[in-house]
Amino acid sequence: MEYVDRVLTCTQCRAEFVFSGGEQEFFADKGFKSDPRRCKQCKAKQKGKVFRLRPETRTTCAQCGKETTVPFKPVLGKPMLCRLCFMNSKEQVS
């Protein structure tokens, strides 16, 4: 199943946050039935942890052309891959 990024609203602070395709795949793999209700910052406050916000950047996969997000700032000239293409490329190397 192909997962597409979705914008959700935090129930605690009412800010919008992205529920990325990779996160949706992770939720499905773990068997979680519902979407997250809180953004990462509110979730971290709830747990009492210090949260370091990583930049999420929208980009296009160099292999399949699908739009995806990556948890870092892309390096100019370096091809970015979606999770599926990245995992497939790792399997081919092994």
PDB file of N, CA and C in Angstrom:
ATOM      1  N   MET A   1       0.841  -1.179   0.000  1.00  0.00           N
ATOM      2  CA  MET A   1       0.000   0.000   0.000  1.00  0.00           C
ATOM      3  C   MET A   1       0.885   1.240   0.000  1.00  0.00           C
ATOM      4  N   GLU A   2       0.525   2.229  -0.794  1.00  0.00           N
ATOM      5  CA  GLU A   2       1.292   3.461  -0.878  1.00  0.00           C
ATOM      6  C   GLU A   2       0.703   4.491   0.071  1.00  0.00           C
ATOM      7  N   TYR A   3       1.545   5.075   0.904  1.00  0.00           N
ATOM      8  CA  TYR A   3       1.106   6.060   1.880  1.00  0.00           C
ATOM      9  C   TYR A   3       1.464   7.457   1.388  1.00  0.00           C
ATOM     10  N   VAL A   4       0.538   8.393   1.556  1.00  0.00           N
ATOM     11  CA  VAL A   4       0.719   9.773   1.130  1.00  0.00           C
ATOM     12  C   VAL A   4       0.715  10.659   2.366  1.00  0.00           C
ATOM     13  N   ASP A   5       1.606  11.653   2.399  1.00  0.00           N
ATOM     14  CA  ASP A   5       1.655  12.589   3.524  1.00  0.00           C
ATOM     15  C   ASP A   5       0.292  13.249   3.716  1.00  0.00           C
ATOM     16  N   ARG A   6      -0.106  13.386   4.995  1.00  0.00           N
ATOM     17  CA  ARG A   6      -1.371  14.035   5.330  1.00  0.00           C
ATOM     18  C   ARG A   6      -1.117  15.097   6.388  1.00  0.00           C
ATOM     19  N   VAL A   7      -1.894  16.156   6.346  1.00  0.00           N
ATOM     20  CA  VAL A   7      -1.793  17.215   7.346  1.00  0.00           C
ATOM     21  C   VAL A   7      -2.883  16.981   8.383  1.00  0.00           C
ATOM     22  N   LEU A   8      -2.475  16.878   9.657  1.00  0.00           N
ATOM     23  CA  LEU A   8      -3.403  16.670  10.772  1.00  0.00           C
ATOM     24  C   LEU A   8      -3.351  17.882  11.697  1.00  0.00           C
ATOM     25  N   THR A   9      -4.327  18.021  12.568  1.00  0.00           N
ATOM     26  CA  THR A   9      -4.373  19.106  13.540  1.00  0.00           C
ATOM     27  C   THR A   9      -4.197  18.536  14.940  1.00  0.00           C
ATOM     28  N   CYS A  10      -3.275  19.120  15.688  1.00  0.00           N
ATOM     29  CA  CYS A  10      -2.997  18.688  17.065  1.00  0.00           C
ATOM     30  C   CYS A  10      -4.197  19.025  17.948  1.00  0.00           C
ATOM     31  N   THR A  11      -4.644  18.059  18.745  1.00  0.00           N
ATOM     32  CA  THR A  11      -5.787  18.286  19.628  1.00  0.00           C
ATOM     33  C   THR A  11      -5.422  19.156  20.824  1.00  0.00           C
ATOM     34  N   GLN A  12      -4.136  19.275  21.116  1.00  0.00           N
ATOM     35  CA  GLN A  12      -3.712  20.038  22.281  1.00  0.00           C
ATOM     36  C   GLN A  12      -3.444  21.508  21.949  1.00  0.00           C
ATOM     37  N   CYS A  13      -2.644  21.786  20.905  1.00  0.00           N
ATOM     38  CA  CYS A  13      -2.279  23.174  20.596  1.00  0.00           C
ATOM     39  C   CYS A  13      -2.946  23.700  19.327  1.00  0.00           C
ATOM     40  N   ARG A  14      -3.671  22.840  18.609  1.00  0.00           N
ATOM     41  CA  ARG A  14      -4.395  23.192  17.384  1.00  0.00           C
ATOM     42  C   ARG A  14      -3.481  23.545  16.203  1.00  0.00           C
ATOM     43  N   ALA A  15      -2.193  23.259  16.312  1.00  0.00           N
ATOM     44  CA  ALA A  15      -1.267  23.497  15.200  1.00  0.00           C
ATOM     45  C   ALA A  15      -1.372  22.334  14.207  1.00  0.00           C
ATOM     46  N   GLU A  16      -1.119  22.635  12.941  1.00  0.00           N
ATOM     47  CA  GLU A  16      -1.124  21.584  11.935  1.00  0.00           C
ATOM     48  C   GLU A  16       0.251  20.932  11.890  1.00  0.00           C
ATOM     49  N   PHE A  17       0.272  19.624  11.658  1.00  0.00           N
ATOM     50  CA  PHE A  17       1.532  18.898  11.518  1.00  0.00           C
ATOM     51  C   PHE A  17       1.372  17.837  10.439  1.00  0.00           C
ATOM     52  N   VAL A  18       2.505  17.427   9.856  1.00  0.00           N
ATOM     53  CA  VAL A  18       2.489  16.461   8.762  1.00  0.00           C
ATOM     54  C   VAL A  18       2.613  15.047   9.328  1.00  0.00           C
ATOM     55  N   PHE A  19       1.708  14.193   8.934  1.00  0.00           N
ATOM     56  CA  PHE A  19       1.764  12.763   9.242  1.00  0.00           C
ATOM     57  C   PHE A  19       2.302  12.122   7.971  1.00  0.00           C
ATOM     58  N   SER A  20       3.631  11.930   7.928  1.00  0.00           N
ATOM     59  CA  SER A  20       4.297  11.521   6.694  1.00  0.00           C
ATOM     60  C   SER A  20       3.960  10.086   6.299  1.00  0.00           C
ATOM     61  N   GLY A  21       4.215   9.782   5.055  1.00  0.00           N
ATOM     62  CA  GLY A  21       3.976   8.435   4.551  1.00  0.00           C
ATOM     63  C   GLY A  21       4.793   7.402   5.310  1.00  0.00           C
ATOM     64  N   GLY A  22       6.035   7.757   5.651  1.00  0.00           N
ATOM     65  CA  GLY A  22       6.884   6.851   6.426  1.00  0.00           C
ATOM     66  C   GLY A  22       6.333   6.584   7.814  1.00  0.00           C
ATOM     67  N   GLU A  23       5.799   7.638   8.453  1.00  0.00           N
ATOM     68  CA  GLU A  23       5.191   7.466   9.771  1.00  0.00           C
ATOM     69  C   GLU A  23       3.936   6.604   9.679  1.00  0.00           C
ATOM     70  N   GLN A  24       3.153   6.806   8.616  1.00  0.00           N
ATOM     71  CA  GLN A  24       1.951   6.001   8.426  1.00  0.00           C
ATOM     72  C   GLN A  24       2.317   4.531   8.238  1.00  0.00           C
ATOM     73  N   GLU A  25       3.376   4.284   7.488  1.00  0.00           N
ATOM     74  CA  GLU A  25       3.829   2.903   7.276  1.00  0.00           C
ATOM     75  C   GLU A  25       4.281   2.280   8.596  1.00  0.00           C
ATOM     76  N   PHE A  26       4.996   3.062   9.409  1.00  0.00           N
ATOM     77  CA  PHE A  26       5.434   2.596  10.719  1.00  0.00           C
ATOM     78  C   PHE A  26       4.231   2.256  11.597  1.00  0.00           C
ATOM     79  N   PHE A  27       3.210   3.146  11.619  1.00  0.00           N
ATOM     80  CA  PHE A  27       2.005   2.898  12.402  1.00  0.00           C
ATOM     81  C   PHE A  27       1.332   1.601  11.951  1.00  0.00           C
ATOM     82  N   ALA A  28       1.258   1.393  10.635  1.00  0.00           N
ATOM     83  CA  ALA A  28       0.617   0.187  10.097  1.00  0.00           C
ATOM     84  C   ALA A  28       1.414  -1.059  10.486  1.00  0.00           C
ATOM     85  N   ASP A  29       2.754  -0.982  10.408  1.00  0.00           N
ATOM     86  CA  ASP A  29       3.604  -2.121  10.779  1.00  0.00           C
ATOM     87  C   ASP A  29       3.440  -2.495  12.249  1.00  0.00           C
ATOM     88  N   LYS A  30       3.251  -1.484  13.096  1.00  0.00           N
ATOM     89  CA  LYS A  30       3.082  -1.720  14.534  1.00  0.00           C
ATOM     90  C   LYS A  30       1.659  -2.127  14.905  1.00  0.00           C
ATOM     91  N   GLY A  31       0.730  -2.016  13.940  1.00  0.00           N
ATOM     92  CA  GLY A  31      -0.649  -2.405  14.201  1.00  0.00           C
ATOM     93  C   GLY A  31      -1.495  -1.319  14.840  1.00  0.00           C
ATOM     94  N   PHE A  32      -1.000  -0.070  14.831  1.00  0.00           N
ATOM     95  CA  PHE A  32      -1.778   1.031  15.397  1.00  0.00           C
ATOM     96  C   PHE A  32      -2.954   1.319  14.478  1.00  0.00           C
ATOM     97  N   LYS A  33      -4.138   1.485  15.051  1.00  0.00           N
ATOM     98  CA  LYS A  33      -5.361   1.669  14.272  1.00  0.00           C
ATOM     99  C   LYS A  33      -5.714   3.130  14.018  1.00  0.00           C
ATOM    100  N   SER A  34      -5.330   4.046  14.919  1.00  0.00           N
ATOM    101  CA  SER A  34      -5.736   5.446  14.767  1.00  0.00           C
ATOM    102  C   SER A  34      -4.529   6.342  14.488  1.00  0.00           C
ATOM    103  N   ASP A  35      -4.813   7.515  13.940  1.00  0.00           N
ATOM    104  CA  ASP A  35      -3.787   8.508  13.634  1.00  0.00           C
ATOM    105  C   ASP A  35      -3.314   9.169  14.923  1.00  0.00           C
ATOM    106  N   PRO A  36      -2.107   9.767  14.912  1.00  0.00           N
ATOM    107  CA  PRO A  36      -1.659  10.498  16.096  1.00  0.00           C
ATOM    108  C   PRO A  36      -2.554  11.707  16.333  1.00  0.00           C
ATOM    109  N   ARG A  37      -2.771  12.048  17.595  1.00  0.00           N
ATOM    110  CA  ARG A  37      -3.644  13.163  17.937  1.00  0.00           C
ATOM    111  C   ARG A  37      -2.860  14.410  18.306  1.00  0.00           C
ATOM    112  N   ARG A  38      -1.604  14.243  18.696  1.00  0.00           N
ATOM    113  CA  ARG A  38      -0.782  15.378  19.111  1.00  0.00           C
ATOM    114  C   ARG A  38       0.428  15.524  18.201  1.00  0.00           C
ATOM    115  N   CYS A  39       0.885  16.778  18.032  1.00  0.00           N
ATOM    116  CA  CYS A  39       2.113  17.031  17.284  1.00  0.00           C
ATOM    117  C   CYS A  39       3.299  16.546  18.127  1.00  0.00           C
ATOM    118  N   LYS A  40       4.461  16.481  17.528  1.00  0.00           N
ATOM    119  CA  LYS A  40       5.641  15.954  18.226  1.00  0.00           C
ATOM    120  C   LYS A  40       6.012  16.791  19.443  1.00  0.00           C
ATOM    121  N   GLN A  41       5.859  18.121  19.334  1.00  0.00           N
ATOM    122  CA  GLN A  41       6.208  18.990  20.462  1.00  0.00           C
ATOM    123  C   GLN A  41       5.281  18.748  21.657  1.00  0.00           C
ATOM    124  N   CYS A  42       3.979  18.654  21.411  1.00  0.00           N
ATOM    125  CA  CYS A  42       3.020  18.417  22.510  1.00  0.00           C
ATOM    126  C   CYS A  42       3.193  17.019  23.089  1.00  0.00           C
ATOM    127  N   LYS A  43       3.509  16.055  22.235  1.00  0.00           N
ATOM    128  CA  LYS A  43       3.746  14.694  22.708  1.00  0.00           C
ATOM    129  C   LYS A  43       4.966  14.662  23.628  1.00  0.00           C
ATOM    130  N   ALA A  44       6.012  15.413  23.252  1.00  0.00           N
ATOM    131  CA  ALA A  44       7.217  15.466  24.073  1.00  0.00           C
ATOM    132  C   ALA A  44       6.947  16.167  25.405  1.00  0.00           C
ATOM    133  N   LYS A  45       6.154  17.250  25.376  1.00  0.00           N
ATOM    134  CA  LYS A  45       5.800  17.947  26.616  1.00  0.00           C
ATOM    135  C   LYS A  45       5.026  17.014  27.544  1.00  0.00           C
ATOM    136  N   GLN A  46       4.136  16.224  26.954  1.00  0.00           N
ATOM    137  CA  GLN A  46       3.318  15.284  27.728  1.00  0.00           C
ATOM    138  C   GLN A  46       4.200  14.269  28.449  1.00  0.00           C
ATOM    139  N   LYS A  47       5.245  13.840  27.805  1.00  0.00           N
ATOM    140  CA  LYS A  47       6.146  12.853  28.399  1.00  0.00           C
ATOM    141  C   LYS A  47       7.202  13.498  29.283  1.00  0.00           C
ATOM    142  N   GLY A  48       7.319  14.838  29.223  1.00  0.00           N
ATOM    143  CA  GLY A  48       8.299  15.537  30.046  1.00  0.00           C
ATOM    144  C   GLY A  48       9.706  15.463  29.486  1.00  0.00           C
ATOM    145  N   LYS A  49       9.823  15.186  28.207  1.00  0.00           N
ATOM    146  CA  LYS A  49      11.138  15.070  27.584  1.00  0.00           C
ATOM    147  C   LYS A  49      11.500  16.365  26.872  1.00  0.00           C
ATOM    148  N   VAL A  50      12.786  16.574  26.732  1.00  0.00           N
ATOM    149  CA  VAL A  50      13.259  17.685  25.916  1.00  0.00           C
ATOM    150  C   VAL A  50      13.251  17.190  24.478  1.00  0.00           C
ATOM    151  N   PHE A  51      12.674  17.978  23.600  1.00  0.00           N
ATOM    152  CA  PHE A  51      12.493  17.555  22.217  1.00  0.00           C
ATOM    153  C   PHE A  51      13.328  18.420  21.295  1.00  0.00           C
ATOM    154  N   ARG A  52      14.136  17.781  20.491  1.00  0.00           N
ATOM    155  CA  ARG A  52      14.924  18.496  19.493  1.00  0.00           C
ATOM    156  C   ARG A  52      14.218  18.325  18.158  1.00  0.00           C
ATOM    157  N   LEU A  53      13.720  19.418  17.635  1.00  0.00           N
ATOM    158  CA  LEU A  53      12.961  19.373  16.391  1.00  0.00           C
ATOM    159  C   LEU A  53      13.909  19.210  15.209  1.00  0.00           C
ATOM    160  N   ARG A  54      13.699  18.151  14.434  1.00  0.00           N
ATOM    161  CA  ARG A  54      14.484  17.930  13.225  1.00  0.00           C
ATOM    162  C   ARG A  54      13.712  18.498  12.048  1.00  0.00           C
ATOM    163  N   PRO A  55      14.402  19.137  11.143  1.00  0.00           N
ATOM    164  CA  PRO A  55      13.682  19.696   9.990  1.00  0.00           C
ATOM    165  C   PRO A  55      13.175  18.588   9.080  1.00  0.00           C
ATOM    166  N   GLU A  56      11.932  18.693   8.655  1.00  0.00           N
ATOM    167  CA  GLU A  56      11.385  17.760   7.674  1.00  0.00           C
ATOM    168  C   GLU A  56      11.257  18.522   6.373  1.00  0.00           C
ATOM    169  N   THR A  57      11.870  17.997   5.331  1.00  0.00           N
ATOM    170  CA  THR A  57      11.901  18.666   4.048  1.00  0.00           C
ATOM    171  C   THR A  57      11.177  17.833   3.013  1.00  0.00           C
ATOM    172  N   ARG A  58      10.282  18.485   2.264  1.00  0.00           N
ATOM    173  CA  ARG A  58       9.594  17.808   1.164  1.00  0.00           C
ATOM    174  C   ARG A  58      10.544  17.748  -0.026  1.00  0.00           C
ATOM    175  N   THR A  59      10.580  16.606  -0.679  1.00  0.00           N
ATOM    176  CA  THR A  59      11.431  16.424  -1.849  1.00  0.00           C
ATOM    177  C   THR A  59      10.806  15.376  -2.760  1.00  0.00           C
ATOM    178  N   THR A  60      11.391  15.181  -3.911  1.00  0.00           N
ATOM    179  CA  THR A  60      10.913  14.187  -4.860  1.00  0.00           C
ATOM    180  C   THR A  60      11.937  13.063  -4.941  1.00  0.00           C
ATOM    181  N   CYS A  61      11.476  11.831  -4.916  1.00  0.00           N
ATOM    182  CA  CYS A  61      12.362  10.669  -5.004  1.00  0.00           C
ATOM    183  C   CYS A  61      13.040  10.662  -6.368  1.00  0.00           C
ATOM    184  N   ALA A  62      14.357  10.518  -6.367  1.00  0.00           N
ATOM    185  CA  ALA A  62      15.128  10.519  -7.610  1.00  0.00           C
ATOM    186  C   ALA A  62      14.899   9.249  -8.425  1.00  0.00           C
ATOM    187  N   GLN A  63      14.416   8.189  -7.785  1.00  0.00           N
ATOM    188  CA  GLN A  63      14.247   6.913  -8.479  1.00  0.00           C
ATOM    189  C   GLN A  63      12.839   6.738  -9.046  1.00  0.00           C
ATOM    190  N   CYS A  64      11.814   6.930  -8.223  1.00  0.00           N
ATOM    191  CA  CYS A  64      10.445   6.675  -8.680  1.00  0.00           C
ATOM    192  C   CYS A  64       9.650   7.946  -8.964  1.00  0.00           C
ATOM    193  N   GLY A  65      10.140   9.108  -8.529  1.00  0.00           N
ATOM    194  CA  GLY A  65       9.465  10.371  -8.795  1.00  0.00           C
ATOM    195  C   GLY A  65       8.354  10.724  -7.825  1.00  0.00           C
ATOM    196  N   LYS A  66       8.135   9.907  -6.796  1.00  0.00           N
ATOM    197  CA  LYS A  66       7.078  10.150  -5.809  1.00  0.00           C
ATOM    198  C   LYS A  66       7.520  11.247  -4.845  1.00  0.00           C
ATOM    199  N   GLU A  67       6.564  12.114  -4.427  1.00  0.00           N
ATOM    200  CA  GLU A  67       6.878  13.141  -3.451  1.00  0.00           C
ATOM    201  C   GLU A  67       6.967  12.501  -2.069  1.00  0.00           C
ATOM    202  N   THR A  68       7.977  12.909  -1.294  1.00  0.00           N
ATOM    203  CA  THR A  68       8.211  12.326   0.020  1.00  0.00           C
ATOM    204  C   THR A  68       8.803  13.379   0.947  1.00  0.00           C
ATOM    205  N   THR A  69       8.978  13.051   2.220  1.00  0.00           N
ATOM    206  CA  THR A  69       9.658  13.929   3.165  1.00  0.00           C
ATOM    207  C   THR A  69      10.876  13.203   3.710  1.00  0.00           C
ATOM    208  N   VAL A  70      11.910  13.988   4.028  1.00  0.00           N
ATOM    209  CA  VAL A  70      13.120  13.444   4.633  1.00  0.00           C
ATOM    210  C   VAL A  70      13.401  14.227   5.909  1.00  0.00           C
ATOM    211  N   PRO A  71      13.956  13.574   6.948  1.00  0.00           N
ATOM    212  CA  PRO A  71      14.177  14.242   8.239  1.00  0.00           C
ATOM    213  C   PRO A  71      15.498  15.012   8.312  1.00  0.00           C
ATOM    214  N   PHE A  72      15.916  15.610   7.205  1.00  0.00           N
ATOM    215  CA  PHE A  72      17.157  16.376   7.163  1.00  0.00           C
ATOM    216  C   PHE A  72      17.099  17.323   5.972  1.00  0.00           C
ATOM    217  N   LYS A  73      18.033  18.252   5.922  1.00  0.00           N
ATOM    218  CA  LYS A  73      18.125  19.158   4.782  1.00  0.00           C
ATOM    219  C   LYS A  73      18.918  18.448   3.690  1.00  0.00           C
ATOM    220  N   PRO A  74      18.342  18.269   2.503  1.00  0.00           N
ATOM    221  CA  PRO A  74      19.044  17.573   1.418  1.00  0.00           C
ATOM    222  C   PRO A  74      20.306  18.316   0.985  1.00  0.00           C
ATOM    223  N   VAL A  75      21.317  17.548   0.593  1.00  0.00           N
ATOM    224  CA  VAL A  75      22.561  18.095   0.083  1.00  0.00           C
ATOM    225  C   VAL A  75      22.380  18.349  -1.408  1.00  0.00           C
ATOM    226  N   LEU A  76      22.766  19.518  -1.850  1.00  0.00           N
ATOM    227  CA  LEU A  76      22.611  19.886  -3.250  1.00  0.00           C
ATOM    228  C   LEU A  76      23.359  18.905  -4.153  1.00  0.00           C
ATOM    229  N   GLY A  77      22.679  18.372  -5.139  1.00  0.00           N
ATOM    230  CA  GLY A  77      23.297  17.457  -6.091  1.00  0.00           C
ATOM    231  C   GLY A  77      23.234  15.997  -5.686  1.00  0.00           C
ATOM    232  N   LYS A  78      22.865  15.704  -4.455  1.00  0.00           N
ATOM    233  CA  LYS A  78      22.773  14.322  -4.003  1.00  0.00           C
ATOM    234  C   LYS A  78      21.337  13.831  -4.180  1.00  0.00           C
ATOM    235  N   PRO A  79      21.129  12.694  -4.862  1.00  0.00           N
ATOM    236  CA  PRO A  79      19.755  12.226  -5.090  1.00  0.00           C
ATOM    237  C   PRO A  79      19.093  11.772  -3.792  1.00  0.00           C
ATOM    238  N   MET A  80      17.815  12.165  -3.618  1.00  0.00           N
ATOM    239  CA  MET A  80      17.034  11.767  -2.455  1.00  0.00           C
ATOM    240  C   MET A  80      16.109  10.629  -2.855  1.00  0.00           C
ATOM    241  N   LEU A  81      15.945   9.652  -1.969  1.00  0.00           N
ATOM    242  CA  LEU A  81      15.095   8.499  -2.233  1.00  0.00           C
ATOM    243  C   LEU A  81      13.976   8.433  -1.207  1.00  0.00           C
ATOM    244  N   CYS A  82      12.809   7.930  -1.646  1.00  0.00           N
ATOM    245  CA  CYS A  82      11.718   7.671  -0.707  1.00  0.00           C
ATOM    246  C   CYS A  82      12.099   6.430   0.111  1.00  0.00           C
ATOM    247  N   ARG A  83      11.356   6.154   1.136  1.00  0.00           N
ATOM    248  CA  ARG A  83      11.672   5.027   2.027  1.00  0.00           C
ATOM    249  C   ARG A  83      11.725   3.704   1.279  1.00  0.00           C
ATOM    250  N   LEU A  84      10.745   3.474   0.400  1.00  0.00           N
ATOM    251  CA  LEU A  84      10.683   2.212  -0.333  1.00  0.00           C
ATOM    252  C   LEU A  84      11.889   2.032  -1.254  1.00  0.00           C
ATOM    253  N   CYS A  85      12.230   3.061  -2.027  1.00  0.00           N
ATOM    254  CA  CYS A  85      13.389   2.973  -2.926  1.00  0.00           C
ATOM    255  C   CYS A  85      14.685   2.837  -2.131  1.00  0.00           C
ATOM    256  N   PHE A  86      14.777   3.534  -0.994  1.00  0.00           N
ATOM    257  CA  PHE A  86      15.965   3.442  -0.156  1.00  0.00           C
ATOM    258  C   PHE A  86      16.149   2.013   0.377  1.00  0.00           C
ATOM    259  N   MET A  87      15.044   1.425   0.858  1.00  0.00           N
ATOM    260  CA  MET A  87      15.122   0.064   1.391  1.00  0.00           C
ATOM    261  C   MET A  87      15.479  -0.925   0.263  1.00  0.00           C
ATOM    262  N   ASN A  88      14.924  -0.727  -0.925  1.00  0.00           N
ATOM    263  CA  ASN A  88      15.233  -1.610  -2.057  1.00  0.00           C
ATOM    264  C   ASN A  88      16.698  -1.479  -2.456  1.00  0.00           C
ATOM    265  N   SER A  89      17.251  -0.274  -2.419  1.00  0.00           N
ATOM    266  CA  SER A  89      18.649  -0.085  -2.781  1.00  0.00           C
ATOM    267  C   SER A  89      19.572  -0.727  -1.743  1.00  0.00           C
ATOM    268  N   LYS A  90      19.168  -0.715  -0.466  1.00  0.00           N
ATOM    269  CA  LYS A  90      19.975  -1.363   0.581  1.00  0.00           C
ATOM    270  C   LYS A  90      19.976  -2.885   0.396  1.00  0.00           C
ATOM    271  N   GLU A  91      18.810  -3.448  -0.029  1.00  0.00           N
ATOM    272  CA  GLU A  91      18.722  -4.896  -0.236  1.00  0.00           C
ATOM    273  C   GLU A  91      19.583  -5.336  -1.415  1.00  0.00           C
ATOM    274  N   GLN A  92      19.685  -4.511  -2.455  1.00  0.00           N
ATOM    275  CA  GLN A  92      20.465  -4.868  -3.630  1.00  0.00           C
ATOM    276  C   GLN A  92      21.953  -4.862  -3.334  1.00  0.00           C
ATOM    277  N   VAL A  93      22.394  -4.012  -2.394  1.00  0.00           N
ATOM    278  CA  VAL A  93      23.806  -3.941  -2.024  1.00  0.00           C
ATOM    279  C   VAL A  93      24.208  -5.170  -1.212  1.00  0.00           C
ATOM    280  N   SER A  94      23.310  -5.669  -0.375  1.00  0.00           N
ATOM    281  CA  SER A  94      23.630  -6.801   0.512  1.00  0.00           C
ATOM    282  C   SER A  94      23.785  -8.093  -0.229  1.00  0.00           C
TER     283      SER A  94
END
